[in-house]
PDB file of N, CA and C in Angstrom:
ATOM      1  N   MET A   1      68.222 162.732 109.534  1.00  0.00           N
ATOM      2  CA  MET A   1      69.216 163.773 109.461  1.00  0.00           C
ATOM      3  C   MET A   1      70.593 163.121 109.455  1.00  0.00           C
ATOM      4  N   SER A   2      71.582 163.909 109.073  1.00  0.00           N
ATOM      5  CA  SER A   2      72.941 163.384 109.064  1.00  0.00           C
ATOM      6  C   SER A   2      73.943 164.525 109.000  1.00  0.00           C
ATOM      7  N   ILE A   3      75.197 164.197 109.303  1.00  0.00           N
ATOM      8  CA  ILE A   3      76.305 165.114 109.112  1.00  0.00           C
ATOM      9  C   ILE A   3      77.340 164.383 108.265  1.00  0.00           C
ATOM     10  N   GLU A   4      78.159 165.143 107.566  1.00  0.00           N
ATOM     11  CA  GLU A   4      79.204 164.528 106.756  1.00  0.00           C
ATOM     12  C   GLU A   4      80.544 164.748 107.445  1.00  0.00           C
ATOM     13  N   VAL A   5      81.280 163.648 107.641  1.00  0.00           N
ATOM     14  CA  VAL A   5      82.597 163.704 108.271  1.00  0.00           C
ATOM     15  C   VAL A   5      83.557 162.879 107.428  1.00  0.00           C
ATOM     16  N   ASN A   6      84.605 163.533 106.940  1.00  0.00           N
ATOM     17  CA  ASN A   6      85.611 162.850 106.109  1.00  0.00           C
ATOM     18  C   ASN A   6      84.982 162.095 104.948  1.00  0.00           C
ATOM     19  N   GLY A   7      83.972 162.706 104.323  1.00  0.00           N
ATOM     20  CA  GLY A   7      83.324 162.106 103.164  1.00  0.00           C
ATOM     21  C   GLY A   7      82.327 161.004 103.498  1.00  0.00           C
ATOM     22  N   LYS A   8      82.103 160.753 104.778  1.00  0.00           N
ATOM     23  CA  LYS A   8      81.158 159.710 105.191  1.00  0.00           C
ATOM     24  C   LYS A   8      79.927 160.354 105.817  1.00  0.00           C
ATOM     25  N   ASN A   9      78.742 159.863 105.443  1.00  0.00           N
ATOM     26  CA  ASN A   9      77.492 160.343 106.012  1.00  0.00           C
ATOM     27  C   ASN A   9      77.255 159.661 107.350  1.00  0.00           C
ATOM     28  N   ILE A  10      77.104 160.441 108.401  1.00  0.00           N
ATOM     29  CA  ILE A  10      76.855 159.921 109.744  1.00  0.00           C
ATOM     30  C   ILE A  10      75.411 160.254 110.103  1.00  0.00           C
ATOM     31  N   GLU A  11      74.604 159.230 110.323  1.00  0.00           N
ATOM     32  CA  GLU A  11      73.179 159.419 110.609  1.00  0.00           C
ATOM     33  C   GLU A  11      72.954 159.907 112.033  1.00  0.00           C
ATOM     34  N   THR A  12      72.082 160.919 112.157  1.00  0.00           N
ATOM     35  CA  THR A  12      71.690 161.448 113.457  1.00  0.00           C
ATOM     36  C   THR A  12      70.168 161.546 113.520  1.00  0.00           C
ATOM     37  N   ASP A  13      69.665 161.688 114.754  1.00  0.00           N
ATOM     38  CA  ASP A  13      68.225 161.876 114.902  1.00  0.00           C
ATOM     39  C   ASP A  13      67.899 163.369 114.784  1.00  0.00           C
ATOM     40  N   GLU A  14      66.658 163.734 115.074  1.00  0.00           N
ATOM     41  CA  GLU A  14      66.227 165.126 114.903  1.00  0.00           C
ATOM     42  C   GLU A  14      66.908 166.075 115.891  1.00  0.00           C
ATOM     43  N   GLU A  15      67.521 165.532 116.949  1.00  0.00           N
ATOM     44  CA  GLU A  15      68.231 166.370 117.916  1.00  0.00           C
ATOM     45  C   GLU A  15      69.749 166.256 117.757  1.00  0.00           C
ATOM     46  N   ASP A  16      70.190 165.676 116.636  1.00  0.00           N
ATOM     47  CA  ASP A  16      71.604 165.502 116.292  1.00  0.00           C
ATOM     48  C   ASP A  16      72.338 164.488 117.163  1.00  0.00           C
ATOM     49  N   TYR A  17      71.610 163.571 117.785  1.00  0.00           N
ATOM     50  CA  TYR A  17      72.253 162.462 118.491  1.00  0.00           C
ATOM     51  C   TYR A  17      72.596 161.387 117.465  1.00  0.00           C
ATOM     52  N   LEU A  18      73.726 160.723 117.654  1.00  0.00           N
ATOM     53  CA  LEU A  18      74.115 159.651 116.744  1.00  0.00           C
ATOM     54  C   LEU A  18      73.121 158.507 116.806  1.00  0.00           C
ATOM     55  N   LEU A  19      72.750 157.973 115.662  1.00  0.00           N
ATOM     56  CA  LEU A  19      71.872 156.804 115.627  1.00  0.00           C
ATOM     57  C   LEU A  19      72.675 155.521 115.826  1.00  0.00           C
ATOM     58  N   ASN A  20      73.939 155.535 115.431  1.00  0.00           N
ATOM     59  CA  ASN A  20      74.800 154.367 115.584  1.00  0.00           C
ATOM     60  C   ASN A  20      75.982 154.774 116.458  1.00  0.00           C
ATOM     61  N   LEU A  21      76.035 154.271 117.683  1.00  0.00           N
ATOM     62  CA  LEU A  21      77.098 154.644 118.610  1.00  0.00           C
ATOM     63  C   LEU A  21      78.479 154.264 118.092  1.00  0.00           C
ATOM     64  N   GLU A  22      78.542 153.306 117.194  1.00  0.00           N
ATOM     65  CA  GLU A  22      79.825 152.892 116.624  1.00  0.00           C
ATOM     66  C   GLU A  22      80.413 153.972 115.712  1.00  0.00           C
ATOM     67  N   ASP A  23      79.608 154.951 115.300  1.00  0.00           N
ATOM     68  CA  ASP A  23      80.090 156.038 114.447  1.00  0.00           C
ATOM     69  C   ASP A  23      80.909 157.067 115.223  1.00  0.00           C
ATOM     70  N   ARG A  24      80.897 156.985 116.550  1.00  0.00           N
ATOM     71  CA  ARG A  24      81.560 158.003 117.366  1.00  0.00           C
ATOM     72  C   ARG A  24      83.080 157.882 117.259  1.00  0.00           C
ATOM     73  N   ASN A  25      83.712 159.008 116.974  1.00  0.00           N
ATOM     74  CA  ASN A  25      85.162 159.148 117.050  1.00  0.00           C
ATOM     75  C   ASN A  25      85.454 160.638 117.223  1.00  0.00           C
ATOM     76  N   ASP A  26      86.724 160.993 117.363  1.00  0.00           N
ATOM     77  CA  ASP A  26      87.065 162.394 117.626  1.00  0.00           C
ATOM     78  C   ASP A  26      86.611 163.334 116.513  1.00  0.00           C
ATOM     79  N   GLN A  27      86.724 162.895 115.251  1.00  0.00           N
ATOM     80  CA  GLN A  27      86.314 163.750 114.138  1.00  0.00           C
ATOM     81  C   GLN A  27      84.803 163.977 114.133  1.00  0.00           C
ATOM     82  N   VAL A  28      84.048 162.926 114.438  1.00  0.00           N
ATOM     83  CA  VAL A  28      82.590 163.047 114.503  1.00  0.00           C
ATOM     84  C   VAL A  28      82.198 163.972 115.654  1.00  0.00           C
ATOM     85  N   CYS A  29      82.850 163.807 116.804  1.00  0.00           N
ATOM     86  CA  CYS A  29      82.557 164.689 117.944  1.00  0.00           C
ATOM     87  C   CYS A  29      82.826 166.145 117.595  1.00  0.00           C
ATOM     88  N   THR A  30      83.951 166.401 116.940  1.00  0.00           N
ATOM     89  CA  THR A  30      84.278 167.769 116.544  1.00  0.00           C
ATOM     90  C   THR A  30      83.227 168.325 115.589  1.00  0.00           C
ATOM     91  N   ALA A  31      82.787 167.518 114.637  1.00  0.00           N
ATOM     92  CA  ALA A  31      81.761 167.960 113.685  1.00  0.00           C
ATOM     93  C   ALA A  31      80.433 168.244 114.397  1.00  0.00           C
ATOM     94  N   LEU A  32      80.067 167.401 115.359  1.00  0.00           N
ATOM     95  CA  LEU A  32      78.819 167.620 116.109  1.00  0.00           C
ATOM     96  C   LEU A  32      78.900 168.889 116.947  1.00  0.00           C
ATOM     97  N   ILE A  33      80.064 169.135 117.545  1.00  0.00           N
ATOM     98  CA  ILE A  33      80.242 170.355 118.339  1.00  0.00           C
ATOM     99  C   ILE A  33      80.149 171.580 117.438  1.00  0.00           C
ATOM    100  N   LYS A  34      80.788 171.551 116.283  1.00  0.00           N
ATOM    101  CA  LYS A  34      80.721 172.681 115.345  1.00  0.00           C
ATOM    102  C   LYS A  34      79.286 172.932 114.903  1.00  0.00           C
ATOM    103  N   GLN A  35      78.531 171.854 114.639  1.00  0.00           N
ATOM    104  CA  GLN A  35      77.128 171.997 114.245  1.00  0.00           C
ATOM    105  C   GLN A  35      76.311 172.597 115.382  1.00  0.00           C
ATOM    106  N   HIS A  36      76.551 172.128 116.590  1.00  0.00           N
ATOM    107  CA  HIS A  36      75.870 172.621 117.787  1.00  0.00           C
ATOM    108  C   HIS A  36      76.096 174.129 117.931  1.00  0.00           C
ATOM    109  N   GLU A  37      77.350 174.544 117.790  1.00  0.00           N
ATOM    110  CA  GLU A  37      77.678 175.964 117.920  1.00  0.00           C
ATOM    111  C   GLU A  37      77.121 176.778 116.749  1.00  0.00           C
ATOM    112  N   ALA A  38      77.149 176.208 115.538  1.00  0.00           N
ATOM    113  CA  ALA A  38      76.600 176.901 114.368  1.00  0.00           C
ATOM    114  C   ALA A  38      75.093 177.101 114.492  1.00  0.00           C
ATOM    115  N   ASP A  39      74.440 176.226 115.241  1.00  0.00           N
ATOM    116  CA  ASP A  39      72.999 176.341 115.465  1.00  0.00           C
ATOM    117  C   ASP A  39      72.666 177.426 116.484  1.00  0.00           C
ATOM    118  N   GLY A  40      73.704 178.119 116.996  1.00  0.00           N
ATOM    119  CA  GLY A  40      73.467 179.232 117.903  1.00  0.00           C
ATOM    120  C   GLY A  40      73.631 178.914 119.371  1.00  0.00           C
ATOM    121  N   HIS A  41      74.082 177.707 119.687  1.00  0.00           N
ATOM    122  CA  HIS A  41      74.301 177.344 121.086  1.00  0.00           C
ATOM    123  C   HIS A  41      75.653 177.864 121.556  1.00  0.00           C
ATOM    124  N   LYS A  42      75.815 177.930 122.865  1.00  0.00           N
ATOM    125  CA  LYS A  42      77.080 178.391 123.435  1.00  0.00           C
ATOM    126  C   LYS A  42      78.206 177.443 123.031  1.00  0.00           C
ATOM    127  N   PRO A  43      79.433 177.969 122.950  1.00  0.00           N
ATOM    128  CA  PRO A  43      80.574 177.106 122.628  1.00  0.00           C
ATOM    129  C   PRO A  43      80.759 176.008 123.676  1.00  0.00           C
ATOM    130  N   VAL A  44      81.210 174.863 123.226  1.00  0.00           N
ATOM    131  CA  VAL A  44      81.472 173.733 124.119  1.00  0.00           C
ATOM    132  C   VAL A  44      82.907 173.868 124.626  1.00  0.00           C
ATOM    133  N   ASN A  45      83.074 173.935 125.951  1.00  0.00           N
ATOM    134  CA  ASN A  45      84.401 174.107 126.526  1.00  0.00           C
ATOM    135  C   ASN A  45      84.974 172.776 127.018  1.00  0.00           C
ATOM    136  N   GLU A  46      86.154 172.824 127.612  1.00  0.00           N
ATOM    137  CA  GLU A  46      86.824 171.610 128.075  1.00  0.00           C
ATOM    138  C   GLU A  46      86.017 170.880 129.141  1.00  0.00           C
ATOM    139  N   ILE A  47      85.368 171.621 130.014  1.00  0.00           N
ATOM    140  CA  ILE A  47      84.566 170.997 131.071  1.00  0.00           C
ATOM    141  C   ILE A  47      83.410 170.217 130.452  1.00  0.00           C
ATOM    142  N   ALA A  48      82.744 170.819 129.476  1.00  0.00           N
ATOM    143  CA  ALA A  48      81.627 170.139 128.808  1.00  0.00           C
ATOM    144  C   ALA A  48      82.123 168.888 128.090  1.00  0.00           C
ATOM    145  N   CYS A  49      83.274 168.980 127.424  1.00  0.00           N
ATOM    146  CA  CYS A  49      83.830 167.804 126.745  1.00  0.00           C
ATOM    147  C   CYS A  49      84.148 166.706 127.754  1.00  0.00           C
ATOM    148  N   GLY A  50      84.666 167.082 128.913  1.00  0.00           N
ATOM    149  CA  GLY A  50      84.944 166.102 129.967  1.00  0.00           C
ATOM    150  C   GLY A  50      83.678 165.430 130.462  1.00  0.00           C
ATOM    151  N   LEU A  51      82.608 166.202 130.595  1.00  0.00           N
ATOM    152  CA  LEU A  51      81.328 165.627 131.017  1.00  0.00           C
ATOM    153  C   LEU A  51      80.781 164.668 129.966  1.00  0.00           C
ATOM    154  N   ILE A  52      80.911 165.044 128.707  1.00  0.00           N
ATOM    155  CA  ILE A  52      80.452 164.166 127.627  1.00  0.00           C
ATOM    156  C   ILE A  52      81.193 162.838 127.693  1.00  0.00           C
ATOM    157  N   ASP A  53      82.513 162.893 127.865  1.00  0.00           N
ATOM    158  CA  ASP A  53      83.316 161.669 127.966  1.00  0.00           C
ATOM    159  C   ASP A  53      82.922 160.843 129.185  1.00  0.00           C
ATOM    160  N   TYR A  54      82.656 161.529 130.322  1.00  0.00           N
ATOM    161  CA  TYR A  54      82.241 160.834 131.542  1.00  0.00           C
ATOM    162  C   TYR A  54      80.908 160.110 131.325  1.00  0.00           C
ATOM    163  N   PHE A  55      79.924 160.823 130.760  1.00  0.00           N
ATOM    164  CA  PHE A  55      78.610 160.212 130.516  1.00  0.00           C
ATOM    165  C   PHE A  55      78.728 159.001 129.596  1.00  0.00           C
ATOM    166  N   ARG A  56      79.536 159.127 128.566  1.00  0.00           N
ATOM    167  CA  ARG A  56      79.703 158.026 127.614  1.00  0.00           C
ATOM    168  C   ARG A  56      80.347 156.817 128.291  1.00  0.00           C
ATOM    169  N   ALA A  57      81.423 157.036 129.031  1.00  0.00           N
ATOM    170  CA  ALA A  57      82.111 155.937 129.715  1.00  0.00           C
ATOM    171  C   ALA A  57      81.184 155.278 130.739  1.00  0.00           C
ATOM    172  N   TYR A  58      80.440 156.088 131.494  1.00  0.00           N
ATOM    173  CA  TYR A  58      79.519 155.553 132.494  1.00  0.00           C
ATOM    174  C   TYR A  58      78.446 154.705 131.817  1.00  0.00           C
ATOM    175  N   TYR A  59      77.901 155.217 130.713  1.00  0.00           N
ATOM    176  CA  TYR A  59      76.853 154.477 130.009  1.00  0.00           C
ATOM    177  C   TYR A  59      77.396 153.156 129.443  1.00  0.00           C
ATOM    178  N   LEU A  60      78.576 153.199 128.846  1.00  0.00           N
ATOM    179  CA  LEU A  60      79.142 151.967 128.282  1.00  0.00           C
ATOM    180  C   LEU A  60      79.377 150.910 129.359  1.00  0.00           C
ATOM    181  N   GLU A  61      79.754 151.350 130.553  1.00  0.00           N
ATOM    182  CA  GLU A  61      80.015 150.411 131.643  1.00  0.00           C
ATOM    183  C   GLU A  61      78.735 149.917 132.308  1.00  0.00           C
ATOM    184  N   ASN A  62      77.740 150.797 132.455  1.00  0.00           N
ATOM    185  CA  ASN A  62      76.544 150.475 133.244  1.00  0.00           C
ATOM    186  C   ASN A  62      75.255 150.349 132.440  1.00  0.00           C
ATOM    187  N   GLN A  63      75.277 150.709 131.157  1.00  0.00           N
ATOM    188  CA  GLN A  63      74.099 150.682 130.288  1.00  0.00           C
ATOM    189  C   GLN A  63      72.951 151.533 130.822  1.00  0.00           C
ATOM    190  N   VAL A  64      73.295 152.573 131.577  1.00  0.00           N
ATOM    191  CA  VAL A  64      72.334 153.541 132.108  1.00  0.00           C
ATOM    192  C   VAL A  64      73.118 154.830 132.365  1.00  0.00           C
ATOM    193  N   HIS A  65      72.442 155.967 132.281  1.00  0.00           N
ATOM    194  CA  HIS A  65      73.106 157.237 132.569  1.00  0.00           C
ATOM    195  C   HIS A  65      73.165 157.452 134.071  1.00  0.00           C
ATOM    196  N   PRO A  66      74.194 158.153 134.566  1.00  0.00           N
ATOM    197  CA  PRO A  66      74.289 158.385 136.010  1.00  0.00           C
ATOM    198  C   PRO A  66      73.167 159.300 136.493  1.00  0.00           C
ATOM    199  N   SER A  67      72.750 159.074 137.720  1.00  0.00           N
ATOM    200  CA  SER A  67      71.717 159.929 138.318  1.00  0.00           C
ATOM    201  C   SER A  67      72.352 161.246 138.752  1.00  0.00           C
ATOM    202  N   MET A  68      71.526 162.228 139.006  1.00  0.00           N
ATOM    203  CA  MET A  68      72.035 163.505 139.506  1.00  0.00           C
ATOM    204  C   MET A  68      72.716 163.317 140.859  1.00  0.00           C
ATOM    205  N   LEU A  69      72.200 162.399 141.683  1.00  0.00           N
ATOM    206  CA  LEU A  69      72.840 162.130 142.969  1.00  0.00           C
ATOM    207  C   LEU A  69      74.255 161.612 142.760  1.00  0.00           C
ATOM    208  N   LYS A  70      74.437 160.733 141.779  1.00  0.00           N
ATOM    209  CA  LYS A  70      75.759 160.196 141.465  1.00  0.00           C
ATOM    210  C   LYS A  70      76.674 161.320 140.989  1.00  0.00           C
ATOM    211  N   LEU A  71      76.166 162.175 140.111  1.00  0.00           N
ATOM    212  CA  LEU A  71      76.972 163.276 139.590  1.00  0.00           C
ATOM    213  C   LEU A  71      77.395 164.248 140.681  1.00  0.00           C
ATOM    214  N   ALA A  72      76.491 164.520 141.613  1.00  0.00           N
ATOM    215  CA  ALA A  72      76.775 165.472 142.678  1.00  0.00           C
ATOM    216  C   ALA A  72      77.557 164.828 143.820  1.00  0.00           C
ATOM    217  N   GLY A  73      77.675 163.496 143.794  1.00  0.00           N
ATOM    218  CA  GLY A  73      78.397 162.794 144.853  1.00  0.00           C
ATOM    219  C   GLY A  73      77.624 162.756 146.155  1.00  0.00           C
ATOM    220  N   LEU A  74      76.305 162.883 146.068  1.00  0.00           N
ATOM    221  CA  LEU A  74      75.467 162.883 147.263  1.00  0.00           C
ATOM    222  C   LEU A  74      75.033 161.468 147.620  1.00  0.00           C
ATOM    223  N   PRO A  75      74.814 161.215 148.898  1.00  0.00           N
ATOM    224  CA  PRO A  75      74.271 159.907 149.276  1.00  0.00           C
ATOM    225  C   PRO A  75      72.820 159.793 148.826  1.00  0.00           C
ATOM    226  N   LYS A  76      72.351 158.560 148.673  1.00  0.00           N
ATOM    227  CA  LYS A  76      70.950 158.349 148.300  1.00  0.00           C
ATOM    228  C   LYS A  76      70.040 158.866 149.410  1.00  0.00           C
ATOM    229  N   PRO A  77      68.865 159.397 149.046  1.00  0.00           N
ATOM    230  CA  PRO A  77      67.900 159.803 150.065  1.00  0.00           C
ATOM    231  C   PRO A  77      67.526 158.602 150.939  1.00  0.00           C
ATOM    232  N   VAL A  78      67.145 158.872 152.166  1.00  0.00           N
ATOM    233  CA  VAL A  78      66.832 157.810 153.133  1.00  0.00           C
ATOM    234  C   VAL A  78      65.808 156.841 152.574  1.00  0.00           C
ATOM    235  N   ASN A  79      64.796 157.317 151.855  1.00  0.00           N
ATOM    236  CA  ASN A  79      63.750 156.435 151.340  1.00  0.00           C
ATOM    237  C   ASN A  79      64.259 155.546 150.213  1.00  0.00           C
ATOM    238  N   GLU A  80      65.462 155.766 149.689  1.00  0.00           N
ATOM    239  CA  GLU A  80      66.003 154.927 148.626  1.00  0.00           C
ATOM    240  C   GLU A  80      67.087 153.969 149.136  1.00  0.00           C
ATOM    241  N   VAL A  81      67.496 154.133 150.369  1.00  0.00           N
ATOM    242  CA  VAL A  81      68.534 153.270 150.942  1.00  0.00           C
ATOM    243  C   VAL A  81      67.903 151.954 151.325  1.00  0.00           C
ATOM    244  N   GLN A  82      68.508 150.868 150.856  1.00  0.00           N
ATOM    245  CA  GLN A  82      67.996 149.542 151.200  1.00  0.00           C
ATOM    246  C   GLN A  82      68.760 149.008 152.400  1.00  0.00           C
ATOM    247  N   SER A  83      68.051 148.336 153.308  1.00  0.00           N
ATOM    248  CA  SER A  83      68.739 147.777 154.474  1.00  0.00           C
ATOM    249  C   SER A  83      69.029 146.319 154.305  1.00  0.00           C
TER     250      SER A  83
END
């Protein structure tokens, strides 16, 4: 699958995730959001855009997505705390 942005074909998977992370820019993000909304999903608001940016920055720095505990700011469960 793919989307067209500024005359360039941007490859995506079957769930519209970018296949090449280097293709990401503001125009591509806007096109993906428009496609998402055109597919019948709820509009993407500022909070959602902020979360997308947070997830991307966290992944680029850590090469893993943050856990729900990290997102909620909760301490690790006792069985996960190392002494």
